[in-house]
Amino acid sequence: MPRPRSLTHAQIADAALAVLDRDGLAGLTMRAVGAQLGTSTMGLYRYVADRDELEALVVERVLDRVDTRPPLDVPWPDGVRELSGRVRRAVGTHPAVVPLLPAHRHRSPAILRWGEAVLAVLTRAGFTGTGRVVAFRALLGYVVGAIQMEHLGALAGPGTAVIATLPRDEFPLLAETAREAGAVGPEDEFGGGLDLLLDGLTRRLDT
């Protein structure tokens, strides 16, 4: 009987990503990934302890493609914009991974390297101590949250369309804002929100 072939974590992550792209998060099972690899479910457990570890491998596979080198010779807000855009673009190629980001980002070496790059940009700008903590957490929260909103609750999605039909006598501003949201593209939404945050951080730095 032939010996089962060895698998690498990269191969397993690629197979899981293929399943995730094709079948969504609900379809990401050990059985489905094993079938994608041409091995049994029990055979896959030789390399991956459980579904949680499988998800972490997928998240890292996507984020590992992010260039985490700090941009040089640019104003610090532009450096933050560039680093933030890199994460958004990488995740955007595999949007089904978005729900897994909050749970597994702490375990991703790639996102840790990204965080170090963002902190390097903030430090060069003059952020220190508590101010740097708050600035970093605000940026991280914005990037992760904005990516989730873009793919799980897009402005052009059904949720916005429903809000636009709310009774105007009870929810006039919500309904009006939802109708206006149709003219806002994802690039403008992400970039505009990030600009607001960076403007606030700049004012704090200048005080």
Protein backbone atom coordinates (compact mmCIF):
# COMPACT_ATOMS: atom_id res chain seq x y z
CA MET A 1 0.00 0.00 0.00
CA PRO A 2 1.51 3.39 -0.94
CA ARG A 3 2.52 5.66 1.89
CA PRO A 4 0.30 8.78 2.25
CA ARG A 5 1.96 11.83 0.76
CA SER A 6 3.22 14.53 3.08
CA LEU A 7 1.43 17.85 3.12
CA THR A 8 2.75 21.28 4.00
CA HIS A 9 0.81 23.92 5.86
CA ALA A 10 0.98 26.06 2.73
CA GLN A 11 -0.71 23.32 0.67
CA ILE A 12 -3.38 22.87 3.31
CA ALA A 13 -3.99 26.61 3.52
CA ASP A 14 -4.29 26.88 -0.28
CA ALA A 15 -6.78 24.03 -0.34
CA ALA A 16 -8.80 25.58 2.48
CA LEU A 17 -8.75 28.92 0.70
CA ALA A 18 -10.04 27.27 -2.47
CA VAL A 19 -12.91 25.73 -0.50
CA LEU A 20 -13.63 29.04 1.21
CA ASP A 21 -13.69 30.96 -2.08
CA ARG A 22 -15.97 28.37 -3.67
CA ASP A 23 -18.32 27.40 -0.84
CA GLY A 24 -18.08 30.22 1.69
CA LEU A 25 -17.40 30.00 5.40
CA ALA A 26 -20.15 27.44 6.01
CA GLY A 27 -18.47 25.09 3.55
CA LEU A 28 -15.05 25.25 5.22
CA THR A 29 -14.89 21.87 6.91
CA MET A 30 -12.09 19.40 7.54
CA ARG A 31 -13.89 16.95 5.26
CA ALA A 32 -14.12 19.47 2.39
CA VAL A 33 -10.47 20.47 2.69
CA GLY A 34 -9.41 16.84 2.83
CA ALA A 35 -11.38 16.16 -0.35
CA GLN A 36 -9.76 19.19 -2.02
CA LEU A 37 -6.36 17.71 -1.17
CA GLY A 38 -7.31 14.17 -2.15
CA THR A 39 -6.89 12.86 1.37
CA SER A 40 -9.20 11.66 4.10
CA THR A 41 -10.51 13.77 6.96
CA MET A 42 -8.52 11.71 9.44
CA GLY A 43 -5.44 12.08 7.26
CA LEU A 44 -5.79 15.85 7.46
CA TYR A 45 -5.78 15.66 11.26
CA ARG A 46 -2.18 14.50 11.05
CA TYR A 47 -1.28 18.10 10.11
CA VAL A 48 -4.03 20.30 11.57
CA ALA A 49 -5.40 19.91 15.09
CA ASP A 50 -8.88 21.27 14.45
CA ARG A 51 -11.05 23.72 12.52
CA ASP A 52 -9.66 26.62 14.57
CA GLU A 53 -6.11 25.92 13.43
CA LEU A 54 -7.32 25.50 9.86
CA GLU A 55 -8.93 28.95 9.97
CA ALA A 56 -5.75 30.48 11.35
CA LEU A 57 -3.75 28.96 8.49
CA VAL A 58 -6.15 30.47 5.95
CA VAL A 59 -5.98 33.93 7.50
CA GLU A 60 -2.19 33.83 7.55
CA ARG A 61 -2.06 32.63 3.95
CA VAL A 62 -4.03 35.68 2.83
CA LEU A 63 -2.23 38.20 5.03
CA ASP A 64 1.22 36.80 4.32
CA ARG A 65 0.95 38.36 0.86
CA VAL A 66 0.82 41.85 2.40
CA ASP A 67 3.95 43.94 1.93
CA THR A 68 4.75 44.95 5.52
CA ARG A 69 7.72 47.21 4.79
CA PRO A 70 7.08 50.75 6.09
CA PRO A 71 6.83 53.26 3.21
CA LEU A 72 9.84 55.57 3.19
CA ASP A 73 10.22 59.26 2.34
CA VAL A 74 6.51 60.05 2.49
CA PRO A 75 4.50 62.06 5.04
CA TRP A 76 3.33 59.82 7.86
CA PRO A 77 -0.38 59.96 6.93
CA ASP A 78 0.49 58.73 3.43
CA GLY A 79 2.51 55.91 4.97
CA VAL A 80 -0.48 54.83 7.05
CA ARG A 81 -2.75 55.07 4.00
CA GLU A 82 -0.42 52.85 2.00
CA LEU A 83 -0.10 50.21 4.72
CA SER A 84 -3.86 50.21 5.29
CA GLY A 85 -4.55 49.87 1.58
CA ARG A 86 -2.24 46.89 1.31
CA VAL A 87 -4.26 44.92 3.86
CA ARG A 88 -7.54 45.91 2.23
CA ARG A 89 -6.36 44.84 -1.21
CA ALA A 90 -5.03 41.49 0.02
CA VAL A 91 -8.23 40.63 1.86
CA GLY A 92 -10.32 41.85 -1.06
CA THR A 93 -8.97 39.05 -3.26
CA HIS A 94 -10.54 36.51 -0.88
CA PRO A 95 -13.50 38.29 0.76
CA ALA A 96 -14.86 35.08 2.30
CA VAL A 97 -11.98 35.24 4.78
CA VAL A 98 -13.25 38.53 6.27
CA PRO A 99 -15.31 36.98 9.12
CA LEU A 100 -12.19 35.13 10.31
CA LEU A 101 -10.00 38.23 10.67
CA PRO A 102 -11.06 39.45 14.15
CA ALA A 103 -10.69 36.02 15.75
CA HIS A 104 -7.32 35.12 14.25
CA ARG A 105 -5.45 38.37 13.65
CA HIS A 106 -3.52 38.05 16.94
CA ARG A 107 -2.10 34.72 15.75
CA SER A 108 -0.98 35.98 12.36
CA PRO A 109 2.76 36.73 12.05
CA ALA A 110 1.97 38.76 8.94
CA ILE A 111 -0.44 41.12 10.71
CA LEU A 112 2.02 41.44 13.59
CA ARG A 113 4.67 42.56 11.11
CA TRP A 114 2.14 44.95 9.61
CA GLY A 115 1.42 46.33 13.07
CA GLU A 116 5.12 46.86 13.66
CA ALA A 117 5.34 48.80 10.39
CA VAL A 118 2.39 51.01 11.34
CA LEU A 119 3.95 51.70 14.73
CA ALA A 120 7.23 52.60 13.03
CA VAL A 121 5.39 55.19 10.93
CA LEU A 122 3.57 56.58 13.97
CA THR A 123 6.77 56.71 16.00
CA ARG A 124 8.61 58.63 13.29
CA ALA A 125 5.70 61.07 13.24
CA GLY A 126 6.18 61.75 16.95
CA PHE A 127 3.57 59.53 18.62
CA THR A 128 4.77 58.06 21.93
CA GLY A 129 3.36 56.47 25.05
CA THR A 130 -0.40 56.48 25.55
CA GLY A 131 -0.91 58.62 22.46
CA ARG A 132 0.74 55.99 20.30
CA VAL A 133 -1.34 53.22 21.90
CA VAL A 134 -4.58 55.09 21.19
CA ALA A 135 -3.53 56.02 17.65
CA PHE A 136 -2.53 52.45 16.80
CA ARG A 137 -5.69 50.91 18.25
CA ALA A 138 -7.84 53.45 16.44
CA LEU A 139 -6.16 52.68 13.11
CA LEU A 140 -6.32 48.92 13.62
CA GLY A 141 -9.97 49.11 14.61
CA TYR A 142 -10.80 51.25 11.60
CA VAL A 143 -9.00 49.04 9.05
CA VAL A 144 -10.47 45.78 10.34
CA GLY A 145 -13.94 47.28 10.82
CA ALA A 146 -14.01 49.06 7.46
CA ILE A 147 -12.98 45.88 5.63
CA GLN A 148 -15.76 43.99 7.40
CA MET A 149 -18.32 46.65 6.51
CA GLU A 150 -17.20 46.69 2.88
CA HIS A 151 -17.66 42.94 2.40
CA LEU A 152 -20.35 42.05 4.94
CA GLY A 153 -22.48 45.18 4.83
CA ALA A 154 -21.57 47.05 1.68
CA LEU A 155 -23.20 50.40 0.93
CA ALA A 156 -24.56 48.92 -2.28
CA GLY A 157 -25.90 45.91 -0.39
CA PRO A 158 -29.48 44.96 0.52
CA GLY A 159 -29.21 46.39 4.03
CA THR A 160 -28.73 49.92 2.76
CA ALA A 161 -31.60 49.50 0.31
CA VAL A 162 -33.91 48.47 3.16
CA ILE A 163 -32.87 51.43 5.30
CA ALA A 164 -33.55 53.77 2.38
CA THR A 165 -37.22 52.72 2.50
CA LEU A 166 -37.69 53.42 6.22
CA PRO A 167 -40.61 55.75 7.08
CA ARG A 168 -39.38 59.28 6.57
CA ASP A 169 -41.46 60.65 9.42
CA GLU A 170 -39.73 58.35 11.91
CA PHE A 171 -36.22 57.92 10.43
CA PRO A 172 -35.73 60.89 8.08
CA LEU A 173 -31.95 61.13 8.40
CA LEU A 174 -31.28 57.40 8.21
CA ALA A 175 -33.42 57.07 5.09
CA GLU A 176 -31.86 60.10 3.43
CA THR A 177 -28.30 58.98 4.25
CA ALA A 178 -29.00 55.48 2.92
CA ARG A 179 -30.27 56.92 -0.35
CA GLU A 180 -27.16 59.09 -0.67
CA ALA A 181 -24.92 56.11 0.13
CA GLY A 182 -25.56 54.63 -3.29
CA ALA A 183 -23.30 57.27 -4.81
CA VAL A 184 -20.35 56.39 -2.55
CA GLY A 185 -17.96 53.80 -3.97
CA PRO A 186 -15.92 51.45 -1.77
CA GLU A 187 -12.68 53.32 -2.47
CA ASP A 188 -14.23 56.62 -1.39
CA GLU A 189 -15.81 55.05 1.67
CA PHE A 190 -12.58 53.43 2.90
CA GLY A 191 -10.32 56.33 1.98
CA GLY A 192 -12.70 59.01 3.23
CA GLY A 193 -13.15 57.39 6.62
CA LEU A 194 -9.41 56.87 6.97
CA ASP A 195 -8.79 60.52 6.09
CA LEU A 196 -11.15 61.63 8.86
CA LEU A 197 -9.29 59.49 11.36
CA LEU A 198 -5.89 60.70 10.18
CA ASP A 199 -7.02 64.33 10.36
CA GLY A 200 -7.99 63.78 13.98
CA LEU A 201 -4.69 62.11 14.81
CA THR A 202 -2.80 64.96 13.15
CA ARG A 203 -4.60 67.50 15.30
CA ARG A 204 -3.80 65.50 18.42
CA LEU A 205 -0.14 65.32 17.40
CA ASP A 206 -0.05 69.10 16.89
CA THR A 207 -1.49 69.93 20.33
